[in-house]
């Protein structure tokens, strides 16, 4: 009888230990996931950082190629943002680089927005072919104009942007698409005499 009682106690103790171990393992997994998430997020804006964008958007690019879904990659530079952040009184004005909200009316949940560093941002625009690029630029510009016209906005923001359509690209990796969009963005920045928001766009040629 005593042996049976001792055996039951040992079994019960083992079950408790296993449950405690399972709880600790789950807590460790949750902690690791939280650390991984933090490593993909930009501290300043709350957007994805470069690492997060490359990880998520590269996956989406591969899926789009397999499914034939159109998409575009945008490279955005906020003109003069560093000067604004360096000179603005942060106690009297929200710092433009600290807006953690997804731009309303511009991006969808299926799009991916990231801060690559400094005043440079990247966007994976889902289900968007070359013919839709002018409409995207127009919406972004209208939203920017509306924000600049707000009575509590004491500094104007403007942007330079290049967008590359990946519709006809085959096996072009994300870095290549970003590089092409970056070149188009600088092309617009050098020719600011054009109406703002009318960025040049390019259809990526198929690789042989």
Protein backbone atom coordinates (compact mmCIF):
# COMPACT_ATOMS: atom_id res chain seq x y z
CA UNK A 1 0.00 0.00 0.00
CA UNK A 2 2.78 2.39 0.93
CA UNK A 3 4.58 1.58 -2.32
CA UNK A 4 1.44 2.34 -4.34
CA UNK A 5 0.92 5.62 -2.49
CA UNK A 6 4.53 6.61 -3.10
CA UNK A 7 4.18 5.73 -6.78
CA UNK A 8 1.06 7.87 -7.10
CA UNK A 9 2.85 10.77 -5.43
CA UNK A 10 5.78 10.40 -7.82
CA UNK A 11 3.44 10.36 -10.83
CA UNK A 12 1.60 13.44 -9.58
CA UNK A 13 4.86 15.26 -8.94
CA UNK A 14 6.09 14.36 -12.42
CA UNK A 15 2.90 15.71 -14.00
CA UNK A 16 3.29 18.98 -12.11
CA UNK A 17 6.92 19.25 -13.21
CA UNK A 18 5.96 18.55 -16.83
CA UNK A 19 3.25 21.20 -16.72
CA UNK A 20 5.67 23.73 -15.24
CA UNK A 21 8.22 22.85 -17.91
CA UNK A 22 5.60 23.27 -20.63
CA UNK A 23 4.62 26.69 -19.28
CA UNK A 24 8.25 27.81 -19.14
CA UNK A 25 8.85 26.56 -22.68
CA UNK A 26 5.86 28.55 -23.94
CA UNK A 27 7.02 31.64 -22.09
CA UNK A 28 10.47 31.26 -23.65
CA UNK A 29 8.93 30.86 -27.10
CA UNK A 30 6.81 33.98 -26.54
CA UNK A 31 9.87 35.92 -25.40
CA UNK A 32 11.87 34.79 -28.42
CA UNK A 33 9.02 35.81 -30.73
CA UNK A 34 8.80 39.21 -29.06
CA UNK A 35 12.55 39.72 -29.52
CA UNK A 36 12.27 38.66 -33.16
CA UNK A 37 9.41 41.11 -33.69
CA UNK A 38 11.43 43.90 -32.09
CA UNK A 39 14.33 43.21 -34.43
CA UNK A 40 12.02 43.81 -37.41
CA UNK A 41 10.52 47.09 -36.14
CA UNK A 42 11.95 50.59 -36.47
CA UNK A 43 12.13 52.18 -33.02
CA UNK A 44 11.56 55.72 -34.29
CA UNK A 45 8.39 55.17 -36.32
CA UNK A 46 6.96 51.80 -35.29
CA UNK A 47 7.07 50.73 -38.94
CA UNK A 48 9.03 47.76 -40.23
CA UNK A 49 12.75 48.41 -40.52
CA UNK A 50 14.95 47.42 -43.46
CA UNK A 51 15.42 43.88 -42.12
CA UNK A 52 11.67 43.47 -41.63
CA UNK A 53 10.87 44.83 -45.08
CA UNK A 54 13.38 42.59 -46.85
CA UNK A 55 12.09 39.53 -45.00
CA UNK A 56 8.39 40.17 -45.60
CA UNK A 57 8.46 41.78 -49.02
CA UNK A 58 10.87 39.24 -50.52
CA UNK A 59 8.41 36.53 -49.57
CA UNK A 60 5.55 38.48 -51.13
CA UNK A 61 7.54 39.08 -54.32
CA UNK A 62 8.18 35.35 -54.73
CA UNK A 63 4.50 34.57 -54.14
CA UNK A 64 3.48 37.21 -56.67
CA UNK A 65 5.77 35.75 -59.32
CA UNK A 66 4.35 32.28 -58.76
CA UNK A 67 0.72 33.43 -58.83
CA UNK A 68 1.09 36.05 -61.55
CA UNK A 69 -0.25 38.75 -59.21
CA UNK A 70 0.84 42.28 -60.15
CA UNK A 71 2.77 44.33 -57.61
CA UNK A 72 4.97 47.40 -57.40
CA UNK A 73 7.89 48.51 -55.25
CA UNK A 74 8.18 52.16 -54.19
CA UNK A 75 11.20 54.00 -52.81
CA UNK A 76 10.30 57.24 -51.00
CA UNK A 77 12.51 60.04 -49.71
CA UNK A 78 10.95 62.72 -47.50
CA UNK A 79 12.54 65.96 -48.67
CA UNK A 80 14.27 67.95 -45.96
CA UNK A 81 13.09 65.70 -43.12
CA UNK A 82 16.46 65.65 -41.41
CA UNK A 83 16.56 69.46 -41.32
CA UNK A 84 13.05 69.57 -39.85
CA UNK A 85 13.86 67.01 -37.19
CA UNK A 86 17.13 68.75 -36.31
CA UNK A 87 15.62 72.23 -35.98
CA UNK A 88 12.03 71.67 -34.86
CA UNK A 89 11.04 72.37 -31.25
CA UNK A 90 9.78 68.91 -30.26
CA UNK A 91 7.76 70.30 -27.35
CA UNK A 92 5.58 72.49 -29.55
CA UNK A 93 5.29 70.32 -32.67
CA UNK A 94 5.02 66.58 -33.29
CA UNK A 95 8.19 65.33 -34.93
CA UNK A 96 7.40 64.14 -38.45
CA UNK A 97 9.49 61.03 -38.10
CA UNK A 98 7.50 59.83 -35.11
CA UNK A 99 4.11 59.27 -36.72
CA UNK A 100 3.29 55.64 -36.02
CA UNK A 101 0.05 55.56 -37.99
CA UNK A 102 -0.41 53.94 -41.41
CA UNK A 103 -1.08 56.74 -43.90
CA UNK A 104 -4.86 56.76 -44.19
CA UNK A 105 -6.30 56.48 -47.66
CA UNK A 106 -2.94 55.58 -49.17
CA UNK A 107 -2.02 52.07 -48.12
CA UNK A 108 -3.97 48.90 -47.52
CA UNK A 109 -3.40 46.15 -45.01
CA UNK A 110 -1.99 44.03 -47.84
CA UNK A 111 0.75 46.61 -48.51
CA UNK A 112 4.03 46.71 -46.59
CA UNK A 113 5.48 50.04 -45.44
CA UNK A 114 8.96 50.29 -43.92
CA UNK A 115 11.54 52.86 -42.92
CA UNK A 116 14.84 51.82 -44.45
CA UNK A 117 16.79 54.40 -42.48
CA UNK A 118 17.13 58.17 -42.24
CA UNK A 119 14.41 59.77 -44.35
CA UNK A 120 14.07 56.84 -46.75
CA UNK A 121 11.04 54.55 -46.87
CA UNK A 122 10.01 51.56 -48.98
CA UNK A 123 6.58 50.21 -49.89
CA UNK A 124 5.48 46.88 -51.30
CA UNK A 125 2.24 47.75 -53.11
CA UNK A 126 0.16 44.64 -53.65
CA UNK A 127 -2.07 43.97 -56.66
CA UNK A 128 -0.79 47.00 -58.53
CA UNK A 129 0.42 47.05 -62.12
CA UNK A 130 2.08 49.83 -64.08
CA UNK A 131 -1.19 51.40 -65.22
CA UNK A 132 -2.23 51.98 -61.60
CA UNK A 133 0.95 53.78 -60.54
CA UNK A 134 -0.25 57.31 -61.47
CA UNK A 135 -3.31 56.82 -59.27
CA UNK A 136 -1.15 55.77 -56.32
CA UNK A 137 1.05 58.84 -56.74
CA UNK A 138 -1.99 61.09 -56.97
CA UNK A 139 -3.49 59.70 -53.73
CA UNK A 140 -0.22 60.08 -51.84
CA UNK A 141 0.24 63.64 -53.07
CA UNK A 142 -3.34 64.65 -52.23
CA UNK A 143 -2.95 63.21 -48.73
CA UNK A 144 0.34 65.08 -48.26
CA UNK A 145 -1.23 68.34 -49.50
CA UNK A 146 -4.13 67.92 -47.08
CA UNK A 147 -1.78 67.37 -44.17
CA UNK A 148 0.33 70.38 -45.13
CA UNK A 149 -2.82 72.53 -45.28
CA UNK A 150 -3.89 71.59 -41.74
CA UNK A 151 -4.03 74.64 -39.43
CA UNK A 152 -1.75 73.04 -36.84
CA UNK A 153 0.96 72.14 -39.37
CA UNK A 154 3.77 74.70 -39.20
CA UNK A 155 6.17 72.91 -41.52
CA UNK A 156 5.57 71.63 -45.05
CA UNK A 157 6.50 68.09 -46.01
CA UNK A 158 7.26 66.95 -49.52
CA UNK A 159 8.58 63.75 -50.99
CA UNK A 160 10.43 62.27 -53.91
CA UNK A 161 9.31 58.84 -55.04
CA UNK A 162 10.15 56.21 -57.60
CA UNK A 163 7.93 53.22 -58.28
CA UNK A 164 8.84 50.10 -60.22
CA UNK A 165 6.26 47.68 -61.54
CA UNK A 166 7.30 44.07 -61.11
CA UNK A 167 4.53 42.70 -63.29
CA UNK A 168 6.75 41.56 -66.15
CA UNK A 169 9.88 40.92 -64.09
CA UNK A 170 11.03 37.34 -63.84
CA UNK A 171 13.27 36.23 -61.00
CA UNK A 172 14.19 39.82 -60.07
CA UNK A 173 14.97 39.86 -56.38
CA UNK A 174 13.74 42.56 -54.04
CA UNK A 175 17.11 44.30 -53.78
CA UNK A 176 17.18 44.73 -57.57
CA UNK A 177 13.67 46.19 -57.59
CA UNK A 178 14.52 48.54 -54.71
CA UNK A 179 17.64 49.70 -56.54
CA UNK A 180 15.62 50.51 -59.66
CA UNK A 181 12.99 52.37 -57.62
CA UNK A 182 15.75 54.26 -55.78
CA UNK A 183 17.25 55.40 -59.10
CA UNK A 184 13.85 56.65 -60.24
CA UNK A 185 13.37 58.49 -56.96
CA UNK A 186 16.67 60.36 -57.41
CA UNK A 187 15.69 61.12 -60.99
CA UNK A 188 12.58 62.86 -59.67
CA UNK A 189 14.53 64.62 -56.93
CA UNK A 190 16.87 66.08 -59.57
CA UNK A 191 13.97 67.35 -61.64
CA UNK A 192 11.74 68.98 -59.05
CA UNK A 193 10.44 71.33 -61.71
CA UNK A 194 7.93 68.57 -62.50
CA UNK A 195 4.61 68.64 -60.62
CA UNK A 196 5.16 66.97 -57.29
CA UNK A 197 3.98 63.40 -57.09
CA UNK A 198 4.54 62.80 -60.84
CA UNK A 199 7.40 60.41 -60.32
CA UNK A 200 8.88 58.57 -63.26
CA UNK A 201 7.99 54.92 -63.31
CA UNK A 202 9.44 51.97 -65.09
CA UNK A 203 8.32 48.53 -66.07
CA UNK A 204 11.05 46.12 -65.12
CA UNK A 205 12.28 44.29 -68.20
CA UNK A 206 12.14 40.54 -68.14
CA UNK A 207 15.44 38.87 -67.40
CA UNK A 208 16.52 36.32 -69.90
